[in-house]
Amino acid sequence: MPEGFTVDYRNPGHWDISTRRDGRLFTIRGEPGDVIVHDTRARGGPSREFKNVADAMTCVCEELMWEPQE
């Protein structure tokens, strides 16, 4: 079963996405026009660039939110 995640705003341009079980999974860093999502999970993944935090957060949500298959 998927676990919920939290989004922590640390300061301007600095967001962390975490779960209780696995700790920090993604970081979002940057400023408008130059926002980067870093995948900090064990299996990792490439960093991705976006124009704004909303687009970066959409990417993270698409990765973490899924419906369980019965």
N, C-alpha and C. Protein backbone atom coordinates (compact mmCIF):
# COMPACT_ATOMS: atom_id res chain seq x y z
N MET A 1 0.84 -1.18 0.00
CA MET A 1 0.00 0.00 0.00
C MET A 1 0.89 1.25 0.00
N PRO A 2 0.60 2.23 -0.85
CA PRO A 2 1.43 3.43 -0.88
C PRO A 2 1.33 4.21 0.43
N GLU A 3 2.39 4.89 0.77
CA GLU A 3 2.43 5.71 1.97
C GLU A 3 2.26 7.17 1.58
N GLY A 4 1.63 7.96 2.46
CA GLY A 4 1.51 9.39 2.20
C GLY A 4 2.86 10.07 2.26
N PHE A 5 2.94 11.26 1.73
CA PHE A 5 4.19 12.02 1.76
C PHE A 5 3.91 13.43 2.23
N THR A 6 4.95 14.10 2.70
CA THR A 6 4.83 15.48 3.15
C THR A 6 5.74 16.37 2.31
N VAL A 7 5.35 17.63 2.23
CA VAL A 7 6.14 18.63 1.52
C VAL A 7 6.52 19.70 2.54
N ASP A 8 7.80 19.86 2.74
CA ASP A 8 8.30 20.84 3.71
C ASP A 8 8.96 22.00 2.98
N TYR A 9 8.48 23.20 3.28
CA TYR A 9 9.08 24.43 2.75
C TYR A 9 10.12 24.89 3.76
N ARG A 10 11.38 24.88 3.34
CA ARG A 10 12.46 25.25 4.27
C ARG A 10 12.80 26.73 4.19
N ASN A 11 12.89 27.27 2.98
CA ASN A 11 13.12 28.69 2.76
C ASN A 11 12.93 28.94 1.26
N PRO A 12 13.00 30.18 0.79
CA PRO A 12 12.75 30.43 -0.63
C PRO A 12 13.60 29.53 -1.55
N GLY A 13 12.90 28.84 -2.45
CA GLY A 13 13.58 27.99 -3.41
C GLY A 13 14.07 26.67 -2.85
N HIS A 14 13.57 26.26 -1.68
CA HIS A 14 14.10 25.07 -1.01
C HIS A 14 12.94 24.27 -0.41
N TRP A 15 12.57 23.18 -1.09
CA TRP A 15 11.47 22.31 -0.66
C TRP A 15 11.98 20.88 -0.54
N ASP A 16 11.47 20.12 0.44
CA ASP A 16 11.81 18.71 0.61
C ASP A 16 10.53 17.88 0.61
N ILE A 17 10.53 16.74 -0.07
CA ILE A 17 9.39 15.83 -0.11
C ILE A 17 9.85 14.54 0.55
N SER A 18 9.11 14.10 1.60
CA SER A 18 9.55 12.98 2.43
C SER A 18 8.39 12.07 2.81
N THR A 19 8.75 10.87 3.31
CA THR A 19 7.81 9.98 3.97
C THR A 19 8.39 9.61 5.32
N ARG A 20 7.54 9.17 6.22
CA ARG A 20 8.04 8.74 7.54
C ARG A 20 8.95 7.53 7.40
N ARG A 21 8.58 6.61 6.54
CA ARG A 21 9.33 5.35 6.41
C ARG A 21 10.68 5.55 5.74
N ASP A 22 10.72 6.32 4.66
CA ASP A 22 11.94 6.41 3.84
C ASP A 22 12.70 7.71 3.97
N GLY A 23 12.19 8.67 4.70
CA GLY A 23 12.87 9.96 4.82
C GLY A 23 12.71 10.78 3.55
N ARG A 24 13.69 11.63 3.27
CA ARG A 24 13.60 12.53 2.11
C ARG A 24 13.71 11.74 0.81
N LEU A 25 12.76 11.98 -0.10
CA LEU A 25 12.72 11.30 -1.39
C LEU A 25 13.13 12.22 -2.53
N PHE A 26 12.71 13.47 -2.46
CA PHE A 26 13.00 14.45 -3.51
C PHE A 26 13.34 15.78 -2.86
N THR A 27 14.14 16.57 -3.55
CA THR A 27 14.34 17.97 -3.19
C THR A 27 13.99 18.81 -4.41
N ILE A 28 13.44 19.96 -4.14
CA ILE A 28 13.16 20.95 -5.19
C ILE A 28 13.99 22.18 -4.82
N ARG A 29 14.83 22.60 -5.74
CA ARG A 29 15.73 23.72 -5.49
C ARG A 29 15.71 24.67 -6.68
N GLY A 30 15.91 25.95 -6.42
CA GLY A 30 16.05 26.90 -7.51
C GLY A 30 15.27 28.16 -7.31
N GLU A 31 15.06 28.84 -8.40
CA GLU A 31 14.32 30.11 -8.43
C GLU A 31 13.46 30.10 -9.67
N PRO A 32 12.46 30.97 -9.75
CA PRO A 32 11.57 30.97 -10.92
C PRO A 32 12.37 30.97 -12.23
N GLY A 33 11.99 30.07 -13.11
CA GLY A 33 12.67 29.94 -14.40
C GLY A 33 13.79 28.92 -14.38
N ASP A 34 14.22 28.51 -13.19
CA ASP A 34 15.33 27.56 -13.07
C ASP A 34 15.15 26.72 -11.80
N VAL A 35 14.20 25.79 -11.86
CA VAL A 35 13.87 24.93 -10.71
C VAL A 35 14.30 23.51 -11.04
N ILE A 36 14.97 22.85 -10.09
CA ILE A 36 15.48 21.50 -10.32
C ILE A 36 14.91 20.55 -9.28
N VAL A 37 14.43 19.39 -9.74
CA VAL A 37 14.00 18.31 -8.86
C VAL A 37 15.12 17.29 -8.82
N HIS A 38 15.60 16.99 -7.61
CA HIS A 38 16.61 15.96 -7.40
C HIS A 38 15.92 14.75 -6.78
N ASP A 39 16.09 13.59 -7.37
CA ASP A 39 15.55 12.34 -6.84
C ASP A 39 16.59 11.77 -5.88
N THR A 40 16.29 11.80 -4.58
CA THR A 40 17.26 11.35 -3.58
C THR A 40 16.95 9.96 -3.05
N ARG A 41 16.03 9.24 -3.71
CA ARG A 41 15.73 7.87 -3.28
C ARG A 41 16.92 6.96 -3.55
N ALA A 42 16.91 5.79 -2.91
CA ALA A 42 18.03 4.85 -3.04
C ALA A 42 18.29 4.49 -4.49
N ARG A 43 17.24 4.25 -5.27
CA ARG A 43 17.43 3.90 -6.68
C ARG A 43 17.67 5.14 -7.54
N GLY A 44 17.39 6.29 -6.96
CA GLY A 44 17.67 7.56 -7.61
C GLY A 44 17.06 7.73 -8.98
N GLY A 45 17.49 8.71 -9.64
CA GLY A 45 17.01 9.03 -10.97
C GLY A 45 17.65 10.33 -11.39
N PRO A 46 17.50 10.69 -12.65
CA PRO A 46 18.13 11.92 -13.11
C PRO A 46 17.46 13.16 -12.51
N SER A 47 18.21 14.21 -12.31
CA SER A 47 17.64 15.49 -11.93
C SER A 47 16.89 16.05 -13.13
N ARG A 48 15.81 16.77 -12.84
CA ARG A 48 15.00 17.33 -13.93
C ARG A 48 14.79 18.81 -13.70
N GLU A 49 14.79 19.58 -14.78
CA GLU A 49 14.64 21.03 -14.71
C GLU A 49 13.24 21.45 -15.10
N PHE A 50 12.72 22.48 -14.41
CA PHE A 50 11.38 23.01 -14.67
C PHE A 50 11.42 24.53 -14.60
N LYS A 51 10.35 25.16 -15.11
CA LYS A 51 10.27 26.62 -15.10
C LYS A 51 9.76 27.16 -13.77
N ASN A 52 9.02 26.33 -13.00
CA ASN A 52 8.47 26.81 -11.74
C ASN A 52 8.25 25.64 -10.77
N VAL A 53 8.00 25.98 -9.51
CA VAL A 53 7.82 24.97 -8.47
C VAL A 53 6.55 24.15 -8.72
N ALA A 54 5.51 24.75 -9.24
CA ALA A 54 4.26 24.02 -9.51
C ALA A 54 4.51 22.87 -10.49
N ASP A 55 5.23 23.12 -11.55
CA ASP A 55 5.55 22.06 -12.52
C ASP A 55 6.45 21.00 -11.89
N ALA A 56 7.41 21.43 -11.07
CA ALA A 56 8.29 20.48 -10.39
C ALA A 56 7.49 19.59 -9.44
N MET A 57 6.56 20.19 -8.70
CA MET A 57 5.74 19.42 -7.76
C MET A 57 4.81 18.46 -8.49
N THR A 58 4.32 18.85 -9.66
CA THR A 58 3.50 17.94 -10.47
C THR A 58 4.29 16.70 -10.84
N CYS A 59 5.54 16.87 -11.21
CA CYS A 59 6.42 15.74 -11.53
C CYS A 59 6.56 14.81 -10.33
N VAL A 60 6.80 15.36 -9.15
CA VAL A 60 6.96 14.56 -7.94
C VAL A 60 5.66 13.82 -7.62
N CYS A 61 4.53 14.51 -7.70
CA CYS A 61 3.24 13.88 -7.41
C CYS A 61 2.95 12.74 -8.38
N GLU A 62 3.24 12.92 -9.64
CA GLU A 62 3.03 11.85 -10.61
C GLU A 62 3.87 10.63 -10.27
N GLU A 63 5.05 10.85 -9.73
CA GLU A 63 5.92 9.73 -9.36
C GLU A 63 5.42 9.01 -8.11
N LEU A 64 4.88 9.76 -7.15
CA LEU A 64 4.52 9.18 -5.85
C LEU A 64 3.06 8.76 -5.72
N MET A 65 2.17 9.35 -6.48
CA MET A 65 0.74 9.05 -6.32
C MET A 65 0.29 8.05 -7.36
N TRP A 66 -0.18 6.92 -6.89
CA TRP A 66 -0.68 5.89 -7.80
C TRP A 66 -1.73 5.08 -7.06
N GLU A 67 -2.62 4.48 -7.81
CA GLU A 67 -3.68 3.66 -7.23
C GLU A 67 -3.21 2.21 -7.16
N PRO A 68 -3.39 1.56 -6.00
CA PRO A 68 -3.00 0.15 -5.90
C PRO A 68 -3.83 -0.71 -6.86
N GLN A 69 -3.20 -1.71 -7.44
CA GLN A 69 -3.88 -2.64 -8.33
C GLN A 69 -4.38 -3.83 -7.52
N GLU A 70 -5.62 -4.19 -7.74
CA GLU A 70 -6.19 -5.32 -6.98
C GLU A 70 -5.99 -6.62 -7.70
